[in-house]
PDB file of N, CA and C in Angstrom:
ATOM      1  N   MET A   1      17.069  -2.295  19.172  1.00  0.00           N
ATOM      2  CA  MET A   1      15.922  -1.422  19.349  1.00  0.00           C
ATOM      3  C   MET A   1      14.666  -2.245  19.088  1.00  0.00           C
ATOM      4  N   SER A   2      13.844  -2.370  20.057  1.00  0.00           N
ATOM      5  CA  SER A   2      12.634  -3.161  19.906  1.00  0.00           C
ATOM      6  C   SER A   2      11.420  -2.282  20.162  1.00  0.00           C
ATOM      7  N   LYS A   3      10.576  -2.191  19.171  1.00  0.00           N
ATOM      8  CA  LYS A   3       9.338  -1.424  19.312  1.00  0.00           C
ATOM      9  C   LYS A   3       8.183  -2.350  19.014  1.00  0.00           C
ATOM     10  N   LYS A   4       7.146  -2.225  19.802  1.00  0.00           N
ATOM     11  CA  LYS A   4       5.955  -3.028  19.572  1.00  0.00           C
ATOM     12  C   LYS A   4       5.186  -2.458  18.388  1.00  0.00           C
ATOM     13  N   VAL A   5       4.823  -3.330  17.481  1.00  0.00           N
ATOM     14  CA  VAL A   5       4.026  -2.921  16.335  1.00  0.00           C
ATOM     15  C   VAL A   5       2.578  -2.815  16.773  1.00  0.00           C
ATOM     16  N   LYS A   6       1.948  -1.711  16.401  1.00  0.00           N
ATOM     17  CA  LYS A   6       0.543  -1.517  16.739  1.00  0.00           C
ATOM     18  C   LYS A   6      -0.288  -2.580  16.033  1.00  0.00           C
ATOM     19  N   GLU A   7      -1.274  -3.093  16.758  1.00  0.00           N
ATOM     20  CA  GLU A   7      -2.176  -4.059  16.139  1.00  0.00           C
ATOM     21  C   GLU A   7      -3.172  -3.306  15.279  1.00  0.00           C
ATOM     22  N   ARG A   8      -3.280  -3.701  14.023  1.00  0.00           N
ATOM     23  CA  ARG A   8      -4.233  -3.065  13.116  1.00  0.00           C
ATOM     24  C   ARG A   8      -4.538  -4.024  11.982  1.00  0.00           C
ATOM     25  N   ARG A   9      -5.651  -3.788  11.363  1.00  0.00           N
ATOM     26  CA  ARG A   9      -6.045  -4.585  10.212  1.00  0.00           C
ATOM     27  C   ARG A   9      -5.300  -4.093   8.986  1.00  0.00           C
ATOM     28  N   ILE A  10      -4.930  -5.037   8.159  1.00  0.00           N
ATOM     29  CA  ILE A  10      -4.272  -4.696   6.908  1.00  0.00           C
ATOM     30  C   ILE A  10      -5.111  -5.313   5.802  1.00  0.00           C
ATOM     31  N   ASN A  11      -6.057  -4.516   5.298  1.00  0.00           N
ATOM     32  CA  ASN A  11      -6.956  -5.039   4.284  1.00  0.00           C
ATOM     33  C   ASN A  11      -7.084  -4.103   3.088  1.00  0.00           C
ATOM     34  N   HIS A  12      -6.126  -3.208   2.939  1.00  0.00           N
ATOM     35  CA  HIS A  12      -6.142  -2.281   1.804  1.00  0.00           C
ATOM     36  C   HIS A  12      -4.690  -1.887   1.517  1.00  0.00           C
ATOM     37  N   PRO A  13      -4.358  -1.641   0.273  1.00  0.00           N
ATOM     38  CA  PRO A  13      -2.974  -1.254  -0.040  1.00  0.00           C
ATOM     39  C   PRO A  13      -2.473  -0.060   0.770  1.00  0.00           C
ATOM     40  N   SER A  14      -3.355   0.864   1.115  1.00  0.00           N
ATOM     41  CA  SER A  14      -2.900   2.016   1.911  1.00  0.00           C
ATOM     42  C   SER A  14      -2.440   1.585   3.303  1.00  0.00           C
ATOM     43  N   HIS A  15      -3.032   0.519   3.832  1.00  0.00           N
ATOM     44  CA  HIS A  15      -2.607  -0.006   5.134  1.00  0.00           C
ATOM     45  C   HIS A  15      -1.213  -0.618   5.028  1.00  0.00           C
ATOM     46  N   VAL A  16      -0.967  -1.313   3.930  1.00  0.00           N
ATOM     47  CA  VAL A  16       0.358  -1.902   3.702  1.00  0.00           C
ATOM     48  C   VAL A  16       1.391  -0.788   3.588  1.00  0.00           C
ATOM     49  N   ARG A  17       1.062   0.244   2.821  1.00  0.00           N
ATOM     50  CA  ARG A  17       1.997   1.372   2.661  1.00  0.00           C
ATOM     51  C   ARG A  17       2.347   1.989   4.007  1.00  0.00           C
ATOM     52  N   ALA A  18       1.338   2.220   4.825  1.00  0.00           N
ATOM     53  CA  ALA A  18       1.575   2.841   6.134  1.00  0.00           C
ATOM     54  C   ALA A  18       2.458   1.957   7.003  1.00  0.00           C
ATOM     55  N   LEU A  19       2.192   0.665   6.998  1.00  0.00           N
ATOM     56  CA  LEU A  19       2.991  -0.254   7.796  1.00  0.00           C
ATOM     57  C   LEU A  19       4.431  -0.301   7.296  1.00  0.00           C
ATOM     58  N   MET A  20       4.618  -0.343   5.981  1.00  0.00           N
ATOM     59  CA  MET A  20       5.970  -0.372   5.428  1.00  0.00           C
ATOM     60  C   MET A  20       6.724   0.908   5.766  1.00  0.00           C
ATOM     61  N   GLN A  21       6.057   2.047   5.674  1.00  0.00           N
ATOM     62  CA  GLN A  21       6.706   3.315   6.027  1.00  0.00           C
ATOM     63  C   GLN A  21       7.125   3.323   7.491  1.00  0.00           C
ATOM     64  N   GLU A  22       6.250   2.832   8.340  1.00  0.00           N
ATOM     65  CA  GLU A  22       6.550   2.773   9.771  1.00  0.00           C
ATOM     66  C   GLU A  22       7.769   1.892  10.030  1.00  0.00           C
ATOM     67  N   GLN A  23       7.780   0.715   9.430  1.00  0.00           N
ATOM     68  CA  GLN A  23       8.877  -0.216   9.662  1.00  0.00           C
ATOM     69  C   GLN A  23      10.196   0.289   9.069  1.00  0.00           C
ATOM     70  N   ILE A  24      10.124   0.930   7.916  1.00  0.00           N
ATOM     71  CA  ILE A  24      11.335   1.499   7.316  1.00  0.00           C
ATOM     72  C   ILE A  24      11.920   2.559   8.242  1.00  0.00           C
ATOM     73  N   ASN A  25      11.074   3.400   8.795  1.00  0.00           N
ATOM     74  CA  ASN A  25      11.561   4.439   9.702  1.00  0.00           C
ATOM     75  C   ASN A  25      12.173   3.843  10.963  1.00  0.00           C
ATOM     76  N   ILE A  26      11.583   2.774  11.466  1.00  0.00           N
ATOM     77  CA  ILE A  26      12.159   2.093  12.633  1.00  0.00           C
ATOM     78  C   ILE A  26      13.543   1.563  12.288  1.00  0.00           C
ATOM     79  N   LEU A  27      13.666   0.918  11.133  1.00  0.00           N
ATOM     80  CA  LEU A  27      14.972   0.398  10.712  1.00  0.00           C
ATOM     81  C   LEU A  27      15.993   1.512  10.523  1.00  0.00           C
ATOM     82  N   ARG A  28      15.576   2.593   9.906  1.00  0.00           N
ATOM     83  CA  ARG A  28      16.503   3.706   9.649  1.00  0.00           C
ATOM     84  C   ARG A  28      17.063   4.283  10.937  1.00  0.00           C
ATOM     85  N   ASN A  29      16.290   4.242  11.996  1.00  0.00           N
ATOM     86  CA  ASN A  29      16.723   4.817  13.268  1.00  0.00           C
ATOM     87  C   ASN A  29      17.454   3.828  14.166  1.00  0.00           C
ATOM     88  N   ASP A  30      17.572   2.582  13.746  1.00  0.00           N
ATOM     89  CA  ASP A  30      18.220   1.552  14.555  1.00  0.00           C
ATOM     90  C   ASP A  30      19.705   1.482  14.202  1.00  0.00           C
ATOM     91  N   ASP A  31      20.543   2.041  15.090  1.00  0.00           N
ATOM     92  CA  ASP A  31      21.987   2.069  14.849  1.00  0.00           C
ATOM     93  C   ASP A  31      22.684   0.773  15.251  1.00  0.00           C
ATOM     94  N   GLU A  32      21.952  -0.153  15.849  1.00  0.00           N
ATOM     95  CA  GLU A  32      22.552  -1.410  16.284  1.00  0.00           C
ATOM     96  C   GLU A  32      22.620  -2.451  15.167  1.00  0.00           C
ATOM     97  N   LEU A  33      21.870  -2.259  14.100  1.00  0.00           N
ATOM     98  CA  LEU A  33      21.849  -3.227  13.008  1.00  0.00           C
ATOM     99  C   LEU A  33      23.071  -3.080  12.114  1.00  0.00           C
ATOM    100  N   ASP A  34      23.492  -4.197  11.531  1.00  0.00           N
ATOM    101  CA  ASP A  34      24.556  -4.181  10.535  1.00  0.00           C
ATOM    102  C   ASP A  34      24.076  -3.351   9.342  1.00  0.00           C
ATOM    103  N   PRO A  35      24.905  -2.424   8.850  1.00  0.00           N
ATOM    104  CA  PRO A  35      24.467  -1.548   7.752  1.00  0.00           C
ATOM    105  C   PRO A  35      24.007  -2.300   6.502  1.00  0.00           C
ATOM    106  N   ILE A  36      24.663  -3.394   6.177  1.00  0.00           N
ATOM    107  CA  ILE A  36      24.275  -4.174   4.992  1.00  0.00           C
ATOM    108  C   ILE A  36      22.924  -4.832   5.216  1.00  0.00           C
ATOM    109  N   ASP A  37      22.717  -5.422   6.390  1.00  0.00           N
ATOM    110  CA  ASP A  37      21.427  -6.039   6.706  1.00  0.00           C
ATOM    111  C   ASP A  37      20.320  -4.999   6.737  1.00  0.00           C
ATOM    112  N   LYS A  38      20.632  -3.827   7.280  1.00  0.00           N
ATOM    113  CA  LYS A  38      19.661  -2.744   7.329  1.00  0.00           C
ATOM    114  C   LYS A  38      19.267  -2.321   5.906  1.00  0.00           C
ATOM    115  N   ALA A  39      20.272  -2.163   5.042  1.00  0.00           N
ATOM    116  CA  ALA A  39      19.994  -1.757   3.656  1.00  0.00           C
ATOM    117  C   ALA A  39      19.144  -2.797   2.936  1.00  0.00           C
ATOM    118  N   ARG A  40      19.445  -4.071   3.146  1.00  0.00           N
ATOM    119  CA  ARG A  40      18.651  -5.139   2.515  1.00  0.00           C
ATOM    120  C   ARG A  40      17.208  -5.105   2.994  1.00  0.00           C
ATOM    121  N   ALA A  41      17.022  -4.955   4.291  1.00  0.00           N
ATOM    122  CA  ALA A  41      15.671  -4.937   4.851  1.00  0.00           C
ATOM    123  C   ALA A  41      14.891  -3.720   4.340  1.00  0.00           C
ATOM    124  N   ILE A  42      15.537  -2.572   4.297  1.00  0.00           N
ATOM    125  CA  ILE A  42      14.872  -1.362   3.812  1.00  0.00           C
ATOM    126  C   ILE A  42      14.521  -1.511   2.331  1.00  0.00           C
ATOM    127  N   ALA A  43      15.428  -2.102   1.553  1.00  0.00           N
ATOM    128  CA  ALA A  43      15.149  -2.316   0.127  1.00  0.00           C
ATOM    129  C   ALA A  43      13.949  -3.241  -0.056  1.00  0.00           C
ATOM    130  N   TYR A  44      13.888  -4.304   0.718  1.00  0.00           N
ATOM    131  CA  TYR A  44      12.773  -5.253   0.629  1.00  0.00           C
ATOM    132  C   TYR A  44      11.451  -4.564   0.997  1.00  0.00           C
ATOM    133  N   LEU A  45      11.457  -3.825   2.104  1.00  0.00           N
ATOM    134  CA  LEU A  45      10.239  -3.140   2.536  1.00  0.00           C
ATOM    135  C   LEU A  45       9.831  -2.059   1.538  1.00  0.00           C
ATOM    136  N   SER A  46      10.813  -1.380   0.964  1.00  0.00           N
ATOM    137  CA  SER A  46      10.518  -0.353  -0.035  1.00  0.00           C
ATOM    138  C   SER A  46       9.860  -0.961  -1.262  1.00  0.00           C
ATOM    139  N   ASN A  47      10.355  -2.115  -1.681  1.00  0.00           N
ATOM    140  CA  ASN A  47       9.760  -2.803  -2.833  1.00  0.00           C
ATOM    141  C   ASN A  47       8.314  -3.202  -2.522  1.00  0.00           C
ATOM    142  N   THR A  48       8.074  -3.675  -1.335  1.00  0.00           N
ATOM    143  CA  THR A  48       6.719  -4.035  -0.923  1.00  0.00           C
ATOM    144  C   THR A  48       5.817  -2.794  -0.905  1.00  0.00           C
ATOM    145  N   ALA A  49       6.336  -1.676  -0.408  1.00  0.00           N
ATOM    146  CA  ALA A  49       5.564  -0.438  -0.373  1.00  0.00           C
ATOM    147  C   ALA A  49       5.233   0.034  -1.789  1.00  0.00           C
ATOM    148  N   LEU A  50       6.196  -0.052  -2.706  1.00  0.00           N
ATOM    149  CA  LEU A  50       5.945   0.352  -4.087  1.00  0.00           C
ATOM    150  C   LEU A  50       4.871  -0.522  -4.731  1.00  0.00           C
ATOM    151  N   SER A  51       4.904  -1.808  -4.436  1.00  0.00           N
ATOM    152  CA  SER A  51       3.870  -2.708  -4.959  1.00  0.00           C
ATOM    153  C   SER A  51       2.503  -2.321  -4.417  1.00  0.00           C
ATOM    154  N   ALA A  52       2.449  -1.934  -3.155  1.00  0.00           N
ATOM    155  CA  ALA A  52       1.181  -1.511  -2.556  1.00  0.00           C
ATOM    156  C   ALA A  52       0.671  -0.235  -3.215  1.00  0.00           C
ATOM    157  N   TYR A  53       1.584   0.683  -3.552  1.00  0.00           N
ATOM    158  CA  TYR A  53       1.171   1.900  -4.261  1.00  0.00           C
ATOM    159  C   TYR A  53       0.547   1.539  -5.601  1.00  0.00           C
ATOM    160  N   LYS A  54       1.213   0.655  -6.346  1.00  0.00           N
ATOM    161  CA  LYS A  54       0.700   0.246  -7.661  1.00  0.00           C
ATOM    162  C   LYS A  54      -0.656  -0.433  -7.528  1.00  0.00           C
ATOM    163  N   ASP A  55      -0.769  -1.324  -6.553  1.00  0.00           N
ATOM    164  CA  ASP A  55      -2.042  -2.026  -6.346  1.00  0.00           C
ATOM    165  C   ASP A  55      -3.153  -1.051  -5.961  1.00  0.00           C
ATOM    166  N   GLY A  56      -2.837  -0.085  -5.115  1.00  0.00           N
ATOM    167  CA  GLY A  56      -3.830   0.908  -4.709  1.00  0.00           C
ATOM    168  C   GLY A  56      -4.286   1.741  -5.895  1.00  0.00           C
ATOM    169  N   ASP A  57      -3.341   2.148  -6.732  1.00  0.00           N
ATOM    170  CA  ASP A  57      -3.689   2.910  -7.932  1.00  0.00           C
ATOM    171  C   ASP A  57      -4.573   2.090  -8.859  1.00  0.00           C
ATOM    172  N   MET A  58      -4.246   0.828  -9.024  1.00  0.00           N
ATOM    173  CA  MET A  58      -5.027  -0.044  -9.905  1.00  0.00           C
ATOM    174  C   MET A  58      -6.441  -0.230  -9.356  1.00  0.00           C
ATOM    175  N   MET A  59      -6.563  -0.376  -8.044  1.00  0.00           N
ATOM    176  CA  MET A  59      -7.892  -0.517  -7.448  1.00  0.00           C
ATOM    177  C   MET A  59      -8.725   0.734  -7.682  1.00  0.00           C
ATOM    178  N   ASP A  60      -8.114   1.900  -7.524  1.00  0.00           N
ATOM    179  CA  ASP A  60      -8.833   3.157  -7.746  1.00  0.00           C
ATOM    180  C   ASP A  60      -9.297   3.281  -9.195  1.00  0.00           C
ATOM    181  N   LYS A  61      -8.424   2.936 -10.127  1.00  0.00           N
ATOM    182  CA  LYS A  61      -8.783   3.007 -11.548  1.00  0.00           C
ATOM    183  C   LYS A  61      -9.898   2.021 -11.880  1.00  0.00           C
ATOM    184  N   LEU A  62      -9.829   0.827 -11.308  1.00  0.00           N
ATOM    185  CA  LEU A  62     -10.861  -0.179 -11.554  1.00  0.00           C
ATOM    186  C   LEU A  62     -12.219   0.302 -11.031  1.00  0.00           C
ATOM    187  N   LYS A  63     -12.227   0.918  -9.873  1.00  0.00           N
ATOM    188  CA  LYS A  63     -13.479   1.456  -9.327  1.00  0.00           C
ATOM    189  C   LYS A  63     -14.056   2.530 -10.239  1.00  0.00           C
ATOM    190  N   GLU A  64     -13.186   3.370 -10.810  1.00  0.00           N
ATOM    191  CA  GLU A  64     -13.648   4.399 -11.738  1.00  0.00           C
ATOM    192  C   GLU A  64     -14.276   3.779 -12.983  1.00  0.00           C
ATOM    193  N   VAL A  65     -13.640   2.740 -13.520  1.00  0.00           N
ATOM    194  CA  VAL A  65     -14.171   2.072 -14.705  1.00  0.00           C
ATOM    195  C   VAL A  65     -15.513   1.416 -14.380  1.00  0.00           C
ATOM    196  N   GLU A  66     -15.598   0.765 -13.231  1.00  0.00           N
ATOM    197  CA  GLU A  66     -16.865   0.146 -12.834  1.00  0.00           C
ATOM    198  C   GLU A  66     -17.976   1.191 -12.734  1.00  0.00           C
ATOM    199  N   GLN A  67     -17.656   2.355 -12.176  1.00  0.00           N
ATOM    200  CA  GLN A  67     -18.654   3.415 -12.052  1.00  0.00           C
ATOM    201  C   GLN A  67     -19.065   3.934 -13.429  1.00  0.00           C
ATOM    202  N   LEU A  68     -18.118   4.077 -14.336  1.00  0.00           N
ATOM    203  CA  LEU A  68     -18.444   4.511 -15.697  1.00  0.00           C
ATOM    204  C   LEU A  68     -19.374   3.518 -16.389  1.00  0.00           C
ATOM    205  N   ILE A  69     -19.093   2.236 -16.216  1.00  0.00           N
ATOM    206  CA  ILE A  69     -19.944   1.208 -16.823  1.00  0.00           C
ATOM    207  C   ILE A  69     -21.347   1.270 -16.228  1.00  0.00           C
ATOM    208  N   LYS A  70     -21.422   1.418 -14.916  1.00  0.00           N
ATOM    209  CA  LYS A  70     -22.726   1.503 -14.251  1.00  0.00           C
ATOM    210  C   LYS A  70     -23.499   2.724 -14.758  1.00  0.00           C
ATOM    211  N   ASN A  71     -22.822   3.865 -14.858  1.00  0.00           N
ATOM    212  CA  ASN A  71     -23.477   5.077 -15.352  1.00  0.00           C
ATOM    213  C   ASN A  71     -23.939   4.915 -16.795  1.00  0.00           C
ATOM    214  N   HIS A  72     -23.122   4.265 -17.597  1.00  0.00           N
ATOM    215  CA  HIS A  72     -23.486   4.037 -18.999  1.00  0.00           C
ATOM    216  C   HIS A  72     -24.717   3.132 -19.099  1.00  0.00           C
ATOM    217  N   LYS A  73     -24.757   2.084 -18.294  1.00  0.00           N
ATOM    218  CA  LYS A  73     -25.917   1.190 -18.307  1.00  0.00           C
ATOM    219  C   LYS A  73     -27.182   1.931 -17.894  1.00  0.00           C
ATOM    220  N   GLU A  74     -27.073   2.761 -16.871  1.00  0.00           N
ATOM    221  CA  GLU A  74     -28.242   3.532 -16.421  1.00  0.00           C
ATOM    222  C   GLU A  74     -28.707   4.484 -17.524  1.00  0.00           C
ATOM    223  N   TRP A  75     -27.777   5.152 -18.156  1.00  0.00           N
ATOM    224  CA  TRP A  75     -28.105   6.068 -19.246  1.00  0.00           C
ATOM    225  C   TRP A  75     -28.757   5.317 -20.402  1.00  0.00           C
ATOM    226  N   TYR A  76     -28.232   4.164 -20.768  1.00  0.00           N
ATOM    227  CA  TYR A  76     -28.770   3.358 -21.845  1.00  0.00           C
ATOM    228  C   TYR A  76     -30.175   2.884 -21.521  1.00  0.00           C
ATOM    229  N   ASN A  77     -30.387   2.460 -20.275  1.00  0.00           N
ATOM    230  CA  ASN A  77     -31.720   1.985 -19.855  1.00  0.00           C
ATOM    231  C   ASN A  77     -32.748   3.106 -19.869  1.00  0.00           C
ATOM    232  N   GLU A  78     -32.327   4.319 -19.591  1.00  0.00           N
ATOM    233  CA  GLU A  78     -33.241   5.462 -19.629  1.00  0.00           C
ATOM    234  C   GLU A  78     -33.688   5.762 -21.053  1.00  0.00           C
ATOM    235  N   LEU A  79     -32.830   5.486 -22.023  1.00  0.00           N
ATOM    236  CA  LEU A  79     -33.167   5.732 -23.423  1.00  0.00           C
ATOM    237  C   LEU A  79     -34.216   4.749 -23.952  1.00  0.00           C
ATOM    238  N   ASN A  80     -34.232   3.573 -23.383  1.00  0.00           N
ATOM    239  CA  ASN A  80     -35.147   2.520 -23.899  1.00  0.00           C
ATOM    240  C   ASN A  80     -36.418   2.459 -23.131  1.00  0.00           C
TER     241      ASN A  80
END
């Protein structure tokens, strides 16, 4: 089963997650692959997707902390 992968930019963890989900679904539907090879490939892609989830969560938390620091600095500057 050969499907053309859509051309897209991958510059954010959510893009990696989407690509991994797409590829996992393609593998799951491919009955021509050896079951062991299919399981290995799905496990590898799943691990990559989980890493992207963690990275995305960390980026979101970091942005929140940066915003808190910025707000604190603005508040402090208003006091002086």
